[in-house]
Amino acid sequence: MYGTVARMHVKPGMGAQLEELDRQEAEMANIAGYVGEVVYQMDAEPDVYYLAVIFESKAAYDANATSPEQNDRYEQFRALLVEDPEWHDGEIVRSFFRQSL
């Protein structure tokens, strides 16, 4: 598996819009190789979110990352952010979930 962890600084007051956009995208997205994602909102900085996205493979991740559809989704998210996200891509070497999220 492969994925990314992103740090996102949301514009003040835009957190609810970010969460709603993410919910809409999750319902509509049928992305090849997409496994899932987890989003954290920081206690100490409520306008800072961390996003962890999981794909079946690096090839599936790269195909999505370079698609025009993903660029459109990114532009919608980016409009809600103070600055570009910090992206940290890599191979997932271990995962454990006690229950389904």
N, C-alpha and C. Protein backbone atom coordinates (compact mmCIF):
# COMPACT_ATOMS: atom_id res chain seq x y z
N MET A 1 0.84 -1.18 0.00
CA MET A 1 0.00 0.00 0.00
C MET A 1 0.88 1.24 0.00
N TYR A 2 0.31 2.32 -0.45
CA TYR A 2 1.04 3.58 -0.61
C TYR A 2 0.10 4.72 -0.27
N GLY A 3 0.66 5.84 0.15
CA GLY A 3 -0.21 6.97 0.44
C GLY A 3 0.53 8.23 0.75
N THR A 4 -0.22 9.16 1.33
CA THR A 4 0.34 10.45 1.69
C THR A 4 -0.26 10.92 3.00
N VAL A 5 0.52 11.73 3.69
CA VAL A 5 0.05 12.44 4.87
C VAL A 5 0.22 13.92 4.54
N ALA A 6 -0.84 14.68 4.71
CA ALA A 6 -0.81 16.11 4.38
C ALA A 6 -1.18 16.93 5.60
N ARG A 7 -0.45 18.00 5.80
CA ARG A 7 -0.80 18.99 6.81
C ARG A 7 -1.49 20.13 6.10
N MET A 8 -2.71 20.47 6.55
CA MET A 8 -3.49 21.51 5.89
C MET A 8 -3.88 22.58 6.91
N HIS A 9 -3.59 23.83 6.58
CA HIS A 9 -3.97 24.96 7.42
C HIS A 9 -5.18 25.62 6.78
N VAL A 10 -6.33 25.45 7.42
CA VAL A 10 -7.60 25.93 6.87
C VAL A 10 -7.80 27.40 7.23
N LYS A 11 -8.37 28.16 6.31
CA LYS A 11 -8.71 29.55 6.58
C LYS A 11 -9.68 29.61 7.76
N PRO A 12 -9.56 30.63 8.61
CA PRO A 12 -10.47 30.75 9.75
C PRO A 12 -11.93 30.67 9.31
N GLY A 13 -12.70 29.85 10.02
CA GLY A 13 -14.12 29.70 9.74
C GLY A 13 -14.46 28.76 8.60
N MET A 14 -13.46 28.15 7.96
CA MET A 14 -13.71 27.29 6.80
C MET A 14 -13.66 25.79 7.14
N GLY A 15 -13.48 25.44 8.40
CA GLY A 15 -13.38 24.04 8.78
C GLY A 15 -14.62 23.24 8.42
N ALA A 16 -15.79 23.78 8.68
CA ALA A 16 -17.03 23.07 8.37
C ALA A 16 -17.18 22.87 6.86
N GLN A 17 -16.78 23.86 6.07
CA GLN A 17 -16.85 23.72 4.61
C GLN A 17 -15.87 22.65 4.12
N LEU A 18 -14.68 22.60 4.72
CA LEU A 18 -13.71 21.57 4.36
C LEU A 18 -14.27 20.19 4.65
N GLU A 19 -14.87 20.02 5.82
CA GLU A 19 -15.43 18.73 6.19
C GLU A 19 -16.59 18.35 5.28
N GLU A 20 -17.43 19.30 4.92
CA GLU A 20 -18.56 19.02 4.02
C GLU A 20 -18.07 18.65 2.63
N LEU A 21 -17.07 19.36 2.12
CA LEU A 21 -16.50 19.04 0.82
C LEU A 21 -15.91 17.64 0.84
N ASP A 22 -15.23 17.29 1.91
CA ASP A 22 -14.64 15.96 2.03
C ASP A 22 -15.73 14.89 2.04
N ARG A 23 -16.83 15.13 2.75
CA ARG A 23 -17.95 14.18 2.78
C ARG A 23 -18.55 14.01 1.38
N GLN A 24 -18.74 15.11 0.65
CA GLN A 24 -19.30 15.04 -0.69
C GLN A 24 -18.37 14.25 -1.62
N GLU A 25 -17.08 14.53 -1.53
CA GLU A 25 -16.11 13.84 -2.38
C GLU A 25 -16.07 12.35 -2.07
N ALA A 26 -16.15 11.99 -0.81
CA ALA A 26 -16.11 10.58 -0.42
C ALA A 26 -17.31 9.83 -0.99
N GLU A 27 -18.46 10.49 -1.02
CA GLU A 27 -19.66 9.86 -1.55
C GLU A 27 -19.61 9.72 -3.06
N MET A 28 -18.97 10.66 -3.74
CA MET A 28 -18.97 10.68 -5.20
C MET A 28 -17.76 9.97 -5.80
N ALA A 29 -16.67 9.90 -5.07
CA ALA A 29 -15.42 9.41 -5.63
C ALA A 29 -15.45 7.90 -5.86
N ASN A 30 -15.06 7.51 -7.04
CA ASN A 30 -14.87 6.10 -7.37
C ASN A 30 -13.50 6.02 -8.02
N ILE A 31 -12.48 6.16 -7.20
CA ILE A 31 -11.11 6.29 -7.67
C ILE A 31 -10.44 4.92 -7.64
N ALA A 32 -9.88 4.51 -8.77
CA ALA A 32 -9.20 3.21 -8.86
C ALA A 32 -8.06 3.14 -7.85
N GLY A 33 -8.06 2.08 -7.07
CA GLY A 33 -6.97 1.85 -6.12
C GLY A 33 -7.11 2.56 -4.79
N TYR A 34 -8.11 3.41 -4.64
CA TYR A 34 -8.33 4.15 -3.41
C TYR A 34 -8.80 3.18 -2.33
N VAL A 35 -8.15 3.22 -1.16
CA VAL A 35 -8.52 2.36 -0.04
C VAL A 35 -9.30 3.14 1.01
N GLY A 36 -8.83 4.31 1.37
CA GLY A 36 -9.52 5.10 2.37
C GLY A 36 -8.66 6.25 2.86
N GLU A 37 -9.20 6.93 3.87
CA GLU A 37 -8.49 8.08 4.43
C GLU A 37 -8.92 8.31 5.86
N VAL A 38 -8.09 9.04 6.57
CA VAL A 38 -8.36 9.46 7.93
C VAL A 38 -8.01 10.95 8.00
N VAL A 39 -8.90 11.74 8.62
CA VAL A 39 -8.64 13.18 8.77
C VAL A 39 -8.64 13.50 10.26
N TYR A 40 -7.61 14.22 10.69
CA TYR A 40 -7.49 14.67 12.08
C TYR A 40 -7.63 16.18 12.13
N GLN A 41 -8.33 16.68 13.14
CA GLN A 41 -8.35 18.10 13.44
C GLN A 41 -7.55 18.26 14.73
N MET A 42 -6.57 19.16 14.74
CA MET A 42 -5.68 19.31 15.88
C MET A 42 -6.36 20.01 17.05
N ASP A 43 -6.18 19.48 18.25
CA ASP A 43 -6.72 20.11 19.46
C ASP A 43 -6.07 21.48 19.69
N ALA A 44 -4.75 21.54 19.58
CA ALA A 44 -4.01 22.76 19.89
C ALA A 44 -4.18 23.84 18.82
N GLU A 45 -4.46 23.43 17.59
CA GLU A 45 -4.64 24.36 16.47
C GLU A 45 -5.86 23.91 15.66
N PRO A 46 -7.06 24.31 16.04
CA PRO A 46 -8.27 23.81 15.38
C PRO A 46 -8.35 24.10 13.88
N ASP A 47 -7.59 25.05 13.38
CA ASP A 47 -7.58 25.32 11.94
C ASP A 47 -6.55 24.48 11.19
N VAL A 48 -5.88 23.56 11.89
CA VAL A 48 -4.90 22.68 11.26
C VAL A 48 -5.46 21.25 11.23
N TYR A 49 -5.43 20.67 10.04
CA TYR A 49 -5.89 19.30 9.83
C TYR A 49 -4.76 18.48 9.25
N TYR A 50 -4.75 17.19 9.57
CA TYR A 50 -3.85 16.24 8.94
C TYR A 50 -4.71 15.21 8.21
N LEU A 51 -4.34 14.93 6.99
CA LEU A 51 -5.05 13.99 6.14
C LEU A 51 -4.11 12.85 5.80
N ALA A 52 -4.53 11.62 6.05
CA ALA A 52 -3.77 10.43 5.65
C ALA A 52 -4.62 9.66 4.65
N VAL A 53 -4.10 9.49 3.43
CA VAL A 53 -4.82 8.82 2.35
C VAL A 53 -4.08 7.54 1.99
N ILE A 54 -4.84 6.48 1.74
CA ILE A 54 -4.26 5.17 1.46
C ILE A 54 -4.72 4.68 0.09
N PHE A 55 -3.76 4.22 -0.72
CA PHE A 55 -4.02 3.60 -2.01
C PHE A 55 -3.44 2.19 -2.03
N GLU A 56 -3.95 1.35 -2.92
CA GLU A 56 -3.48 -0.02 -3.03
C GLU A 56 -2.02 -0.10 -3.44
N SER A 57 -1.55 0.88 -4.22
CA SER A 57 -0.18 0.84 -4.74
C SER A 57 0.29 2.24 -5.10
N LYS A 58 1.60 2.37 -5.29
CA LYS A 58 2.16 3.65 -5.72
C LYS A 58 1.64 4.00 -7.12
N ALA A 59 1.50 2.99 -7.97
CA ALA A 59 0.99 3.24 -9.32
C ALA A 59 -0.42 3.82 -9.28
N ALA A 60 -1.28 3.27 -8.42
CA ALA A 60 -2.65 3.79 -8.29
C ALA A 60 -2.63 5.21 -7.73
N TYR A 61 -1.76 5.44 -6.75
CA TYR A 61 -1.63 6.78 -6.16
C TYR A 61 -1.19 7.78 -7.23
N ASP A 62 -0.14 7.43 -7.98
CA ASP A 62 0.39 8.32 -9.01
C ASP A 62 -0.65 8.59 -10.11
N ALA A 63 -1.39 7.55 -10.51
CA ALA A 63 -2.42 7.73 -11.55
C ALA A 63 -3.47 8.73 -11.07
N ASN A 64 -3.87 8.63 -9.82
CA ASN A 64 -4.85 9.58 -9.29
C ASN A 64 -4.24 10.98 -9.18
N ALA A 65 -3.04 11.06 -8.65
CA ALA A 65 -2.40 12.36 -8.42
C ALA A 65 -2.22 13.17 -9.70
N THR A 66 -2.06 12.48 -10.82
CA THR A 66 -1.82 13.18 -12.08
C THR A 66 -3.09 13.32 -12.94
N SER A 67 -4.22 12.90 -12.40
CA SER A 67 -5.46 12.96 -13.20
C SER A 67 -6.08 14.36 -13.15
N PRO A 68 -6.73 14.78 -14.23
CA PRO A 68 -7.43 16.07 -14.23
C PRO A 68 -8.54 16.13 -13.17
N GLU A 69 -9.19 15.00 -12.91
CA GLU A 69 -10.26 14.96 -11.91
C GLU A 69 -9.72 15.27 -10.52
N GLN A 70 -8.54 14.71 -10.22
CA GLN A 70 -7.93 14.99 -8.91
C GLN A 70 -7.50 16.45 -8.82
N ASN A 71 -7.02 17.00 -9.91
CA ASN A 71 -6.66 18.42 -9.90
C ASN A 71 -7.87 19.29 -9.60
N ASP A 72 -9.02 18.94 -10.18
CA ASP A 72 -10.25 19.69 -9.91
C ASP A 72 -10.62 19.60 -8.43
N ARG A 73 -10.53 18.38 -7.85
CA ARG A 73 -10.85 18.21 -6.43
C ARG A 73 -9.87 19.02 -5.58
N TYR A 74 -8.59 18.97 -5.94
CA TYR A 74 -7.57 19.70 -5.19
C TYR A 74 -7.87 21.20 -5.20
N GLU A 75 -8.22 21.75 -6.33
CA GLU A 75 -8.49 23.19 -6.44
C GLU A 75 -9.64 23.61 -5.53
N GLN A 76 -10.66 22.76 -5.39
CA GLN A 76 -11.76 23.07 -4.48
C GLN A 76 -11.28 23.10 -3.03
N PHE A 77 -10.47 22.10 -2.65
CA PHE A 77 -9.92 22.08 -1.29
C PHE A 77 -8.97 23.25 -1.06
N ARG A 78 -8.12 23.51 -2.04
CA ARG A 78 -7.08 24.55 -1.89
C ARG A 78 -7.70 25.92 -1.63
N ALA A 79 -8.88 26.18 -2.21
CA ALA A 79 -9.54 27.47 -2.00
C ALA A 79 -9.89 27.70 -0.54
N LEU A 80 -9.96 26.66 0.25
CA LEU A 80 -10.31 26.78 1.67
C LEU A 80 -9.10 26.87 2.58
N LEU A 81 -7.90 26.79 2.00
CA LEU A 81 -6.67 26.74 2.79
C LEU A 81 -5.90 28.05 2.77
N VAL A 82 -5.17 28.29 3.85
CA VAL A 82 -4.31 29.47 3.96
C VAL A 82 -3.13 29.36 3.01
N GLU A 83 -2.60 28.15 2.88
CA GLU A 83 -1.39 27.90 2.07
C GLU A 83 -1.48 26.50 1.48
N ASP A 84 -0.57 26.20 0.56
CA ASP A 84 -0.54 24.85 0.00
C ASP A 84 -0.29 23.83 1.12
N PRO A 85 -0.90 22.65 1.01
CA PRO A 85 -0.65 21.61 2.01
C PRO A 85 0.81 21.15 1.96
N GLU A 86 1.27 20.63 3.07
CA GLU A 86 2.57 19.94 3.11
C GLU A 86 2.29 18.47 2.82
N TRP A 87 2.90 17.92 1.77
CA TRP A 87 2.66 16.53 1.39
C TRP A 87 3.84 15.67 1.79
N HIS A 88 3.55 14.50 2.34
CA HIS A 88 4.58 13.54 2.74
C HIS A 88 4.15 12.17 2.23
N ASP A 89 4.67 11.79 1.05
CA ASP A 89 4.28 10.54 0.39
C ASP A 89 5.19 9.40 0.82
N GLY A 90 4.63 8.18 0.83
CA GLY A 90 5.47 7.05 1.15
C GLY A 90 4.74 5.72 1.15
N GLU A 91 5.55 4.67 1.18
CA GLU A 91 5.06 3.30 1.25
C GLU A 91 4.54 3.02 2.66
N ILE A 92 3.38 2.42 2.75
CA ILE A 92 2.83 2.04 4.05
C ILE A 92 3.44 0.69 4.41
N VAL A 93 4.22 0.65 5.47
CA VAL A 93 4.92 -0.57 5.84
C VAL A 93 4.19 -1.36 6.92
N ARG A 94 3.24 -0.73 7.60
CA ARG A 94 2.47 -1.44 8.61
C ARG A 94 1.18 -0.67 8.89
N SER A 95 0.12 -1.41 9.10
CA SER A 95 -1.13 -0.80 9.53
C SER A 95 -1.85 -1.79 10.44
N PHE A 96 -2.59 -1.27 11.36
CA PHE A 96 -3.37 -2.10 12.26
C PHE A 96 -4.60 -1.33 12.66
N PHE A 97 -5.76 -1.93 12.48
CA PHE A 97 -7.02 -1.35 12.91
C PHE A 97 -7.76 -2.38 13.73
N ARG A 98 -8.03 -2.06 14.95
CA ARG A 98 -8.74 -2.97 15.82
C ARG A 98 -10.18 -3.17 15.35
N GLN A 99 -10.74 -2.13 14.78
CA GLN A 99 -12.08 -2.19 14.25
C GLN A 99 -12.15 -1.35 12.99
N SER A 100 -13.19 -1.52 12.25
CA SER A 100 -13.38 -0.73 11.04
C SER A 100 -13.65 0.71 11.44
N LEU A 101 -13.03 1.65 10.71
CA LEU A 101 -13.24 3.06 11.01
C LEU A 101 -14.48 3.51 10.38
